[in-house]
C-alpha atoms as a PDB file:
ATOM      1  CA  MET A   1      12.160   8.205 -17.205  1.00  0.00           C
ATOM      2  CA  GLN A   2      10.740   7.996 -20.711  1.00  0.00           C
ATOM      3  CA  ASP A   3      11.489   5.958 -23.775  1.00  0.00           C
ATOM      4  CA  ASN A   4      10.913   7.294 -27.263  1.00  0.00           C
ATOM      5  CA  ALA A   5       7.290   6.215 -27.482  1.00  0.00           C
ATOM      6  CA  GLN A   6       5.230   8.755 -29.419  1.00  0.00           C
ATOM      7  CA  PRO A   7       3.216  10.005 -26.399  1.00  0.00           C
ATOM      8  CA  HIS A   8       6.501  10.834 -24.651  1.00  0.00           C
ATOM      9  CA  THR A   9       7.867  12.875 -27.550  1.00  0.00           C
ATOM     10  CA  ALA A  10       4.895  15.169 -28.184  1.00  0.00           C
ATOM     11  CA  ARG A  11       6.064  18.765 -28.405  1.00  0.00           C
ATOM     12  CA  CYS A  12       3.279  20.067 -26.146  1.00  0.00           C
ATOM     13  CA  LEU A  13       4.345  17.616 -23.436  1.00  0.00           C
ATOM     14  CA  ASN A  14       8.007  18.528 -23.736  1.00  0.00           C
ATOM     15  CA  ASP A  15       7.187  22.261 -23.711  1.00  0.00           C
ATOM     16  CA  TYR A  16       5.093  21.826 -20.570  1.00  0.00           C
ATOM     17  CA  LEU A  17       7.761  19.787 -18.786  1.00  0.00           C
ATOM     18  CA  SER A  18      10.357  22.444 -19.587  1.00  0.00           C
ATOM     19  CA  GLU A  19       8.024  25.191 -18.405  1.00  0.00           C
ATOM     20  CA  VAL A  20       7.488  23.556 -15.011  1.00  0.00           C
ATOM     21  CA  ARG A  21      11.171  22.598 -14.816  1.00  0.00           C
ATOM     22  CA  ILE A  22      10.727  18.839 -14.896  1.00  0.00           C
ATOM     23  CA  PHE A  23      13.687  17.260 -16.608  1.00  0.00           C
ATOM     24  CA  LYS A  24      13.331  13.880 -18.240  1.00  0.00           C
ATOM     25  CA  LEU A  25      15.737  11.022 -18.000  1.00  0.00           C
ATOM     26  CA  GLU A  26      15.991   9.751 -21.556  1.00  0.00           C
ATOM     27  CA  TRP A  27      15.635   6.007 -21.836  1.00  0.00           C
ATOM     28  CA  PRO A  28      16.584   3.730 -24.716  1.00  0.00           C
ATOM     29  CA  ALA A  29      13.664   2.396 -26.728  1.00  0.00           C
ATOM     30  CA  ARG A  30      12.853  -1.282 -26.272  1.00  0.00           C
ATOM     31  CA  SER A  31      14.761  -1.659 -23.017  1.00  0.00           C
ATOM     32  CA  PRO A  32      12.014  -2.642 -20.559  1.00  0.00           C
ATOM     33  CA  ASP A  33      14.254  -4.940 -18.537  1.00  0.00           C
ATOM     34  CA  MET A  34      16.229  -1.924 -17.381  1.00  0.00           C
ATOM     35  CA  ASN A  35      13.153  -0.072 -16.119  1.00  0.00           C
ATOM     36  CA  PRO A  36      12.300  -0.976 -12.504  1.00  0.00           C
ATOM     37  CA  ILE A  37       8.569  -0.412 -12.966  1.00  0.00           C
ATOM     38  CA  GLU A  38       8.427  -3.184 -15.567  1.00  0.00           C
ATOM     39  CA  HIS A  39       9.482  -5.701 -12.912  1.00  0.00           C
ATOM     40  CA  VAL A  40       6.763  -4.399 -10.596  1.00  0.00           C
ATOM     41  CA  TRP A  41       4.175  -4.696 -13.399  1.00  0.00           C
ATOM     42  CA  ASP A  42       5.337  -8.290 -13.873  1.00  0.00           C
ATOM     43  CA  MET A  43       4.788  -9.009 -10.168  1.00  0.00           C
ATOM     44  CA  LEU A  44       1.300  -7.504 -10.344  1.00  0.00           C
ATOM     45  CA  LYS A  45       0.425  -9.550 -13.439  1.00  0.00           C
ATOM     46  CA  ARG A  46       1.591 -12.782 -11.850  1.00  0.00           C
ATOM     47  CA  ARG A  47      -0.304 -12.085  -8.640  1.00  0.00           C
ATOM     48  CA  THR A  48      -3.559 -11.151 -10.386  1.00  0.00           C
ATOM     49  CA  ARG A  49      -3.343 -14.081 -12.824  1.00  0.00           C
ATOM     50  CA  SER A  50      -2.974 -16.479  -9.917  1.00  0.00           C
ATOM     51  CA  ASN A  51      -6.489 -15.482  -8.863  1.00  0.00           C
ATOM     52  CA  LEU A  52      -8.607 -18.586  -9.451  1.00  0.00           C
ATOM     53  CA  ASN A  53     -11.732 -16.603 -10.340  1.00  0.00           C
ATOM     54  CA  PRO A  54     -11.829 -14.788 -13.691  1.00  0.00           C
ATOM     55  CA  LEU A  55     -12.057 -11.023 -13.322  1.00  0.00           C
ATOM     56  CA  GLU A  56     -15.457 -10.162 -14.739  1.00  0.00           C
ATOM     57  CA  ASN A  57     -15.405  -6.369 -14.702  1.00  0.00           C
ATOM     58  CA  PHE A  58     -13.302  -3.295 -14.042  1.00  0.00           C
ATOM     59  CA  SER A  59     -14.218  -3.204 -10.359  1.00  0.00           C
ATOM     60  CA  ALA A  60     -13.003  -6.783  -9.877  1.00  0.00           C
ATOM     61  CA  LEU A  61      -9.782  -5.961 -11.736  1.00  0.00           C
ATOM     62  CA  LYS A  62      -9.213  -2.893  -9.580  1.00  0.00           C
ATOM     63  CA  THR A  63      -9.818  -4.863  -6.391  1.00  0.00           C
ATOM     64  CA  ALA A  64      -7.432  -7.613  -7.536  1.00  0.00           C
ATOM     65  CA  LEU A  65      -4.717  -5.101  -8.497  1.00  0.00           C
ATOM     66  CA  VAL A  66      -4.955  -3.238  -5.194  1.00  0.00           C
ATOM     67  CA  ALA A  67      -4.746  -6.525  -3.281  1.00  0.00           C
ATOM     68  CA  ALA A  68      -1.783  -7.629  -5.413  1.00  0.00           C
ATOM     69  CA  TRP A  69      -0.012  -4.288  -4.886  1.00  0.00           C
ATOM     70  CA  GLU A  70      -0.552  -4.428  -1.137  1.00  0.00           C
ATOM     71  CA  GLY A  71       0.741  -8.010  -1.130  1.00  0.00           C
ATOM     72  CA  ILE A  72       4.123  -7.174  -2.669  1.00  0.00           C
ATOM     73  CA  PRO A  73       6.655  -7.028   0.164  1.00  0.00           C
ATOM     74  CA  GLN A  74       8.437  -3.674   0.402  1.00  0.00           C
ATOM     75  CA  ARG A  75      11.767  -5.530   0.430  1.00  0.00           C
ATOM     76  CA  ASP A  76      11.014  -6.808  -3.100  1.00  0.00           C
ATOM     77  CA  ILE A  77      10.498  -3.246  -4.343  1.00  0.00           C
ATOM     78  CA  LYS A  78      13.689  -2.129  -2.595  1.00  0.00           C
ATOM     79  CA  ASN A  79      15.635  -5.017  -4.128  1.00  0.00           C
ATOM     80  CA  ILE A  80      14.518  -3.976  -7.601  1.00  0.00           C
ATOM     81  CA  THR A  81      15.477  -0.341  -7.141  1.00  0.00           C
ATOM     82  CA  HIS A  82      18.723  -1.100  -5.323  1.00  0.00           C
ATOM     83  CA  THR A  83      19.972  -3.264  -8.201  1.00  0.00           C
ATOM     84  CA  MET A  84      19.617  -0.423 -10.716  1.00  0.00           C
ATOM     85  CA  PRO A  85      23.188   0.940 -10.351  1.00  0.00           C
ATOM     86  CA  ASP A  86      24.625  -2.565 -10.841  1.00  0.00           C
ATOM     87  CA  CYS A  87      22.305  -3.125 -13.809  1.00  0.00           C
ATOM     88  CA  MET A  88      23.433   0.127 -15.443  1.00  0.00           C
ATOM     89  CA  GLN A  89      27.097  -0.741 -14.911  1.00  0.00           C
ATOM     90  CA  ALA A  90      26.565  -4.200 -16.414  1.00  0.00           C
ATOM     91  CA  VAL A  91      24.897  -2.698 -19.480  1.00  0.00           C
ATOM     92  CA  ILE A  92      27.757  -0.226 -19.903  1.00  0.00           C
ATOM     93  CA  ARG A  93      30.370  -2.937 -19.380  1.00  0.00           C
ATOM     94  CA  VAL A  94      28.939  -5.157 -22.137  1.00  0.00           C
ATOM     95  CA  ARG A  95      28.077  -2.170 -24.348  1.00  0.00           C
ATOM     96  CA  GLY A  96      24.374  -2.886 -24.336  1.00  0.00           C
ATOM     97  CA  GLY A  97      24.713  -6.634 -24.828  1.00  0.00           C
ATOM     98  CA  LYS A  98      23.198  -9.434 -22.811  1.00  0.00           C
ATOM     99  CA  ASN A  99      23.960  -9.565 -19.115  1.00  0.00           C
ATOM    100  CA  ARG A 100      22.500 -11.185 -16.034  1.00  0.00           C
ATOM    101  CA  TYR A 101      20.061  -8.319 -15.457  1.00  0.00           C
ATOM    102  CA  LEU A 102      18.429  -8.526 -18.866  1.00  0.00           C
ATOM    103  CA  ARG A 103      15.937 -11.245 -19.744  1.00  0.00           C
END
């Protein structure tokens, strides 16, 4: 799943993906609410920001992120991915307009 960000459109990348038979799912630009990973990133940010101690270096950040990742219940991840078909249908139904799945 890729949006139209410049790193995703580089010819060398697209040539390589075609060569190894990896087919991309095109994704509209500026539509992060529809991408499940964005919701997971949000969970990780909230969990690491709730840490009372400032993260002083990369090692501390890594430790905090791993702990946050391990603390996300699997059911939360499943809920995000299982709502994708409904989200897509809602977007289609309102022709890309606002709906309950978009922020």
